[in-house]
Amino acid sequence: MNYTLYDLEITVTGDPETFNCSHTVSDGLIIKGENLSFKAGTEQFSHYALATLTPYIAAKQRCRDEQDWMFYESVIACPDPACGAQFNIARIGESVYSYETPKVDTAKSHK
């Protein structure tokens, strides 16, 4: 069975004058399938921000219905309400994955 996931790029945006966390504009992450890597030039990324973004990552990788708000919403605020940083999630491609469905031997009897 094959399935498709969107590849994502997450980028820190906003006015750095309003940041009170360690974010840096244009830093970010690349998500391909289950793997996460830093964008070129990114040296660190807040694990608090990552915890906030994680549910959106899975949803943005799969959403295909243009009527679903997840299809068009792409900016997530920093989890610190006093911080002005935002995280833009952009789809940058698609990857196709496959896995085998386990075969069930129906000829065997179970006692």
N, C-alpha and C. Protein backbone atom coordinates (compact mmCIF):
# COMPACT_ATOMS: atom_id res chain seq x y z
N MET A 1 0.84 -1.17 0.00
CA MET A 1 0.00 0.00 0.00
C MET A 1 0.89 1.24 0.00
N ASN A 2 0.56 2.22 -0.79
CA ASN A 2 1.30 3.47 -0.86
C ASN A 2 0.51 4.60 -0.21
N TYR A 3 1.21 5.55 0.33
CA TYR A 3 0.58 6.75 0.86
C TYR A 3 1.52 7.93 0.63
N THR A 4 0.95 9.12 0.56
CA THR A 4 1.71 10.33 0.27
C THR A 4 1.66 11.26 1.48
N LEU A 5 2.80 11.85 1.81
CA LEU A 5 2.88 12.88 2.85
C LEU A 5 3.52 14.12 2.24
N TYR A 6 3.04 15.28 2.67
CA TYR A 6 3.68 16.52 2.26
C TYR A 6 5.00 16.68 3.01
N ASP A 7 6.02 17.17 2.32
CA ASP A 7 7.27 17.60 2.96
C ASP A 7 7.04 19.04 3.41
N LEU A 8 7.52 19.37 4.60
CA LEU A 8 7.24 20.68 5.18
C LEU A 8 8.50 21.45 5.51
N GLU A 9 8.38 22.77 5.45
CA GLU A 9 9.43 23.66 5.93
C GLU A 9 8.78 24.57 6.97
N ILE A 10 9.35 24.61 8.16
CA ILE A 10 8.86 25.47 9.23
C ILE A 10 9.89 26.58 9.42
N THR A 11 9.44 27.83 9.36
CA THR A 11 10.34 28.97 9.43
C THR A 11 9.86 29.95 10.50
N VAL A 12 10.80 30.43 11.30
CA VAL A 12 10.50 31.45 12.31
C VAL A 12 10.30 32.78 11.59
N THR A 13 9.18 33.44 11.89
CA THR A 13 8.87 34.75 11.31
C THR A 13 8.45 35.70 12.43
N GLY A 14 8.27 36.95 12.08
CA GLY A 14 7.82 37.95 13.04
C GLY A 14 8.87 39.03 13.25
N ASP A 15 8.54 39.97 14.11
CA ASP A 15 9.42 41.09 14.43
C ASP A 15 10.29 40.69 15.61
N PRO A 16 11.61 40.56 15.42
CA PRO A 16 12.50 40.14 16.51
C PRO A 16 12.43 41.05 17.73
N GLU A 17 11.99 42.29 17.54
CA GLU A 17 11.84 43.21 18.67
C GLU A 17 10.77 42.72 19.65
N THR A 18 9.88 41.85 19.17
CA THR A 18 8.79 41.35 20.02
C THR A 18 9.09 39.96 20.59
N PHE A 19 10.24 39.39 20.26
CA PHE A 19 10.59 38.06 20.74
C PHE A 19 11.14 38.16 22.16
N ASN A 20 10.73 37.25 23.03
CA ASN A 20 11.38 37.15 24.33
C ASN A 20 11.93 35.73 24.53
N CYS A 21 11.84 34.91 23.51
CA CYS A 21 12.41 33.57 23.53
C CYS A 21 13.68 33.59 22.68
N SER A 22 14.30 32.44 22.49
CA SER A 22 15.58 32.37 21.77
C SER A 22 15.43 32.22 20.26
N HIS A 23 14.28 32.54 19.71
CA HIS A 23 14.04 32.37 18.27
C HIS A 23 14.87 33.37 17.45
N THR A 24 15.20 32.96 16.23
CA THR A 24 15.88 33.83 15.28
C THR A 24 15.11 33.76 13.96
N VAL A 25 14.75 34.93 13.42
CA VAL A 25 14.02 34.98 12.15
C VAL A 25 14.78 34.19 11.09
N SER A 26 14.06 33.41 10.33
CA SER A 26 14.47 32.54 9.23
C SER A 26 15.05 31.20 9.68
N ASP A 27 15.27 31.00 10.98
CA ASP A 27 15.64 29.66 11.46
C ASP A 27 14.45 28.73 11.25
N GLY A 28 14.71 27.44 11.24
CA GLY A 28 13.59 26.54 11.09
C GLY A 28 13.97 25.09 10.90
N LEU A 29 12.97 24.33 10.48
CA LEU A 29 13.07 22.88 10.36
C LEU A 29 12.58 22.42 8.99
N ILE A 30 13.07 21.28 8.57
CA ILE A 30 12.55 20.59 7.39
C ILE A 30 12.00 19.25 7.88
N ILE A 31 10.80 18.91 7.44
CA ILE A 31 10.17 17.65 7.80
C ILE A 31 9.94 16.85 6.53
N LYS A 32 10.50 15.65 6.49
CA LYS A 32 10.27 14.71 5.38
C LYS A 32 9.88 13.39 6.01
N GLY A 33 8.63 13.01 5.82
CA GLY A 33 8.15 11.78 6.44
C GLY A 33 8.23 11.91 7.95
N GLU A 34 8.85 10.95 8.59
CA GLU A 34 8.98 10.97 10.05
C GLU A 34 10.23 11.72 10.52
N ASN A 35 11.03 12.20 9.57
CA ASN A 35 12.32 12.79 9.91
C ASN A 35 12.30 14.30 9.94
N LEU A 36 12.98 14.85 10.94
CA LEU A 36 13.08 16.28 11.15
C LEU A 36 14.56 16.67 11.06
N SER A 37 14.86 17.73 10.35
CA SER A 37 16.23 18.24 10.31
C SER A 37 16.20 19.76 10.37
N PHE A 38 17.32 20.35 10.76
CA PHE A 38 17.42 21.81 10.80
C PHE A 38 17.56 22.35 9.39
N LYS A 39 16.92 23.51 9.13
CA LYS A 39 17.16 24.23 7.89
C LYS A 39 18.61 24.70 7.89
N ALA A 40 19.17 24.90 6.72
CA ALA A 40 20.55 25.40 6.61
C ALA A 40 20.66 26.70 7.41
N GLY A 41 21.70 26.80 8.21
CA GLY A 41 21.95 27.99 9.01
C GLY A 41 21.31 27.96 10.39
N THR A 42 20.43 27.02 10.64
CA THR A 42 19.79 26.91 11.95
C THR A 42 20.68 26.09 12.88
N GLU A 43 20.99 26.67 14.03
CA GLU A 43 21.85 25.97 14.99
C GLU A 43 21.07 25.41 16.17
N GLN A 44 19.93 26.02 16.46
CA GLN A 44 19.12 25.54 17.58
C GLN A 44 17.65 25.83 17.30
N PHE A 45 16.77 25.12 18.00
CA PHE A 45 15.34 25.32 17.85
C PHE A 45 14.69 24.97 19.19
N SER A 46 13.83 25.82 19.67
CA SER A 46 13.19 25.65 20.97
C SER A 46 12.36 24.37 21.05
N HIS A 47 12.62 23.57 22.06
CA HIS A 47 11.81 22.35 22.20
C HIS A 47 10.40 22.69 22.68
N TYR A 48 10.21 23.83 23.31
CA TYR A 48 8.85 24.25 23.68
C TYR A 48 8.05 24.58 22.41
N ALA A 49 8.67 25.27 21.48
CA ALA A 49 8.01 25.55 20.21
C ALA A 49 7.74 24.27 19.45
N LEU A 50 8.72 23.36 19.44
CA LEU A 50 8.55 22.09 18.74
C LEU A 50 7.38 21.30 19.32
N ALA A 51 7.24 21.31 20.65
CA ALA A 51 6.12 20.60 21.28
C ALA A 51 4.78 21.19 20.83
N THR A 52 4.73 22.49 20.65
CA THR A 52 3.51 23.14 20.17
C THR A 52 3.24 22.80 18.71
N LEU A 53 4.28 22.73 17.91
CA LEU A 53 4.13 22.50 16.47
C LEU A 53 3.85 21.05 16.10
N THR A 54 4.24 20.11 16.94
CA THR A 54 4.16 18.69 16.59
C THR A 54 2.78 18.24 16.10
N PRO A 55 1.68 18.57 16.78
CA PRO A 55 0.38 18.11 16.24
C PRO A 55 0.05 18.72 14.88
N TYR A 56 0.49 19.94 14.64
CA TYR A 56 0.24 20.58 13.36
C TYR A 56 1.06 19.93 12.25
N ILE A 57 2.27 19.50 12.58
CA ILE A 57 3.12 18.85 11.58
C ILE A 57 2.42 17.63 11.00
N ALA A 58 1.94 16.75 11.87
CA ALA A 58 1.26 15.54 11.39
C ALA A 58 0.03 15.88 10.56
N ALA A 59 -0.74 16.87 11.02
CA ALA A 59 -1.95 17.25 10.29
C ALA A 59 -1.61 17.89 8.94
N LYS A 60 -0.62 18.76 8.91
CA LYS A 60 -0.24 19.43 7.66
C LYS A 60 0.37 18.46 6.65
N GLN A 61 1.00 17.40 7.13
CA GLN A 61 1.55 16.40 6.21
C GLN A 61 0.45 15.64 5.49
N ARG A 62 -0.71 15.51 6.08
CA ARG A 62 -1.76 14.65 5.53
C ARG A 62 -2.93 15.38 4.91
N CYS A 63 -3.28 16.57 5.38
CA CYS A 63 -4.50 17.25 4.96
C CYS A 63 -4.53 17.46 3.46
N ARG A 64 -5.62 17.07 2.85
CA ARG A 64 -5.76 17.20 1.40
C ARG A 64 -7.04 17.93 0.99
N ASP A 65 -7.95 18.10 1.90
CA ASP A 65 -9.23 18.71 1.59
C ASP A 65 -9.12 20.23 1.69
N GLU A 66 -9.32 20.92 0.59
CA GLU A 66 -9.21 22.38 0.58
C GLU A 66 -10.25 23.06 1.46
N GLN A 67 -11.28 22.36 1.87
CA GLN A 67 -12.30 22.93 2.77
C GLN A 67 -11.89 22.82 4.24
N ASP A 68 -10.87 22.03 4.53
CA ASP A 68 -10.37 21.86 5.90
C ASP A 68 -9.48 23.05 6.24
N TRP A 69 -9.72 23.67 7.40
CA TRP A 69 -8.93 24.85 7.78
C TRP A 69 -7.44 24.54 7.84
N MET A 70 -7.07 23.30 8.08
CA MET A 70 -5.66 22.93 8.15
C MET A 70 -4.98 23.10 6.79
N PHE A 71 -5.76 23.06 5.72
CA PHE A 71 -5.20 23.21 4.38
C PHE A 71 -4.65 24.62 4.17
N TYR A 72 -5.35 25.64 4.68
CA TYR A 72 -4.94 27.02 4.40
C TYR A 72 -4.33 27.75 5.59
N GLU A 73 -4.50 27.30 6.80
CA GLU A 73 -3.84 27.94 7.95
C GLU A 73 -2.39 27.50 7.98
N SER A 74 -1.47 28.45 8.08
CA SER A 74 -0.07 28.07 8.02
C SER A 74 0.81 28.77 9.06
N VAL A 75 0.25 29.65 9.88
CA VAL A 75 1.05 30.39 10.86
C VAL A 75 0.61 30.00 12.27
N ILE A 76 1.59 29.57 13.06
CA ILE A 76 1.35 29.16 14.44
C ILE A 76 2.14 30.09 15.36
N ALA A 77 1.52 30.58 16.42
CA ALA A 77 2.17 31.49 17.35
C ALA A 77 3.09 30.74 18.30
N CYS A 78 4.10 31.43 18.79
CA CYS A 78 4.97 30.89 19.83
C CYS A 78 4.10 30.52 21.03
N PRO A 79 4.42 29.44 21.72
CA PRO A 79 3.61 29.05 22.88
C PRO A 79 3.71 30.01 24.06
N ASP A 80 4.74 30.87 24.08
CA ASP A 80 4.86 31.88 25.13
C ASP A 80 3.99 33.07 24.74
N PRO A 81 2.93 33.35 25.49
CA PRO A 81 2.02 34.43 25.08
C PRO A 81 2.67 35.81 25.08
N ALA A 82 3.81 35.97 25.72
CA ALA A 82 4.51 37.25 25.73
C ALA A 82 5.49 37.38 24.58
N CYS A 83 5.64 36.34 23.75
CA CYS A 83 6.59 36.35 22.64
C CYS A 83 5.85 36.59 21.33
N GLY A 84 6.41 37.40 20.48
CA GLY A 84 5.77 37.73 19.20
C GLY A 84 6.19 36.85 18.04
N ALA A 85 7.02 35.84 18.31
CA ALA A 85 7.47 34.97 17.21
C ALA A 85 6.31 34.14 16.66
N GLN A 86 6.42 33.84 15.38
CA GLN A 86 5.46 32.97 14.71
C GLN A 86 6.23 31.94 13.91
N PHE A 87 5.55 30.86 13.59
CA PHE A 87 6.16 29.77 12.83
C PHE A 87 5.31 29.52 11.60
N ASN A 88 5.89 29.75 10.45
CA ASN A 88 5.18 29.52 9.20
C ASN A 88 5.46 28.10 8.72
N ILE A 89 4.40 27.36 8.43
CA ILE A 89 4.53 25.99 7.93
C ILE A 89 4.16 25.99 6.45
N ALA A 90 5.14 25.64 5.62
CA ALA A 90 4.93 25.63 4.17
C ALA A 90 5.14 24.23 3.63
N ARG A 91 4.29 23.86 2.69
CA ARG A 91 4.48 22.59 1.98
C ARG A 91 5.49 22.82 0.87
N ILE A 92 6.53 22.00 0.85
CA ILE A 92 7.60 22.20 -0.14
C ILE A 92 7.73 21.02 -1.10
N GLY A 93 6.87 20.05 -0.98
CA GLY A 93 6.93 18.89 -1.87
C GLY A 93 6.08 17.76 -1.32
N GLU A 94 6.13 16.65 -1.99
CA GLU A 94 5.42 15.45 -1.56
C GLU A 94 6.36 14.26 -1.66
N SER A 95 6.19 13.33 -0.75
CA SER A 95 6.95 12.08 -0.80
C SER A 95 5.98 10.92 -0.69
N VAL A 96 6.24 9.87 -1.48
CA VAL A 96 5.40 8.68 -1.46
C VAL A 96 6.12 7.59 -0.68
N TYR A 97 5.40 6.98 0.23
CA TYR A 97 5.93 5.90 1.06
C TYR A 97 5.09 4.66 0.83
N SER A 98 5.64 3.51 1.17
CA SER A 98 4.87 2.28 1.02
C SER A 98 5.14 1.38 2.21
N TYR A 99 4.18 0.54 2.48
CA TYR A 99 4.34 -0.47 3.51
C TYR A 99 3.51 -1.67 3.12
N GLU A 100 3.92 -2.80 3.61
CA GLU A 100 3.21 -4.03 3.31
C GLU A 100 2.14 -4.28 4.36
N THR A 101 0.98 -4.64 3.93
CA THR A 101 -0.09 -5.02 4.84
C THR A 101 0.15 -6.47 5.24
N PRO A 102 0.16 -6.76 6.54
CA PRO A 102 0.40 -8.16 6.97
C PRO A 102 -0.64 -9.09 6.35
N LYS A 103 -0.16 -10.21 5.88
CA LYS A 103 -1.07 -11.21 5.30
C LYS A 103 -1.53 -12.16 6.40
N VAL A 104 -2.80 -12.39 6.41
CA VAL A 104 -3.39 -13.29 7.41
C VAL A 104 -3.64 -14.63 6.75
N ASP A 105 -3.13 -15.68 7.36
CA ASP A 105 -3.33 -17.03 6.85
C ASP A 105 -4.66 -17.54 7.37
N THR A 106 -5.68 -17.48 6.51
CA THR A 106 -7.02 -17.90 6.92
C THR A 106 -7.18 -19.41 6.88
N ALA A 107 -6.21 -20.12 6.32
CA ALA A 107 -6.30 -21.58 6.23
C ALA A 107 -5.99 -22.25 7.57
N LYS A 108 -5.27 -21.58 8.43
CA LYS A 108 -4.94 -22.16 9.72
C LYS A 108 -6.15 -22.07 10.65
N SER A 109 -6.31 -23.12 11.42
CA SER A 109 -7.39 -23.07 12.41
C SER A 109 -6.77 -22.71 13.75
N HIS A 110 -7.48 -21.93 14.50
CA HIS A 110 -6.99 -21.49 15.80
C HIS A 110 -7.78 -22.24 16.87
N LYS A 111 -7.04 -22.84 17.79
CA LYS A 111 -7.70 -23.61 18.86
C LYS A 111 -7.67 -22.86 20.14
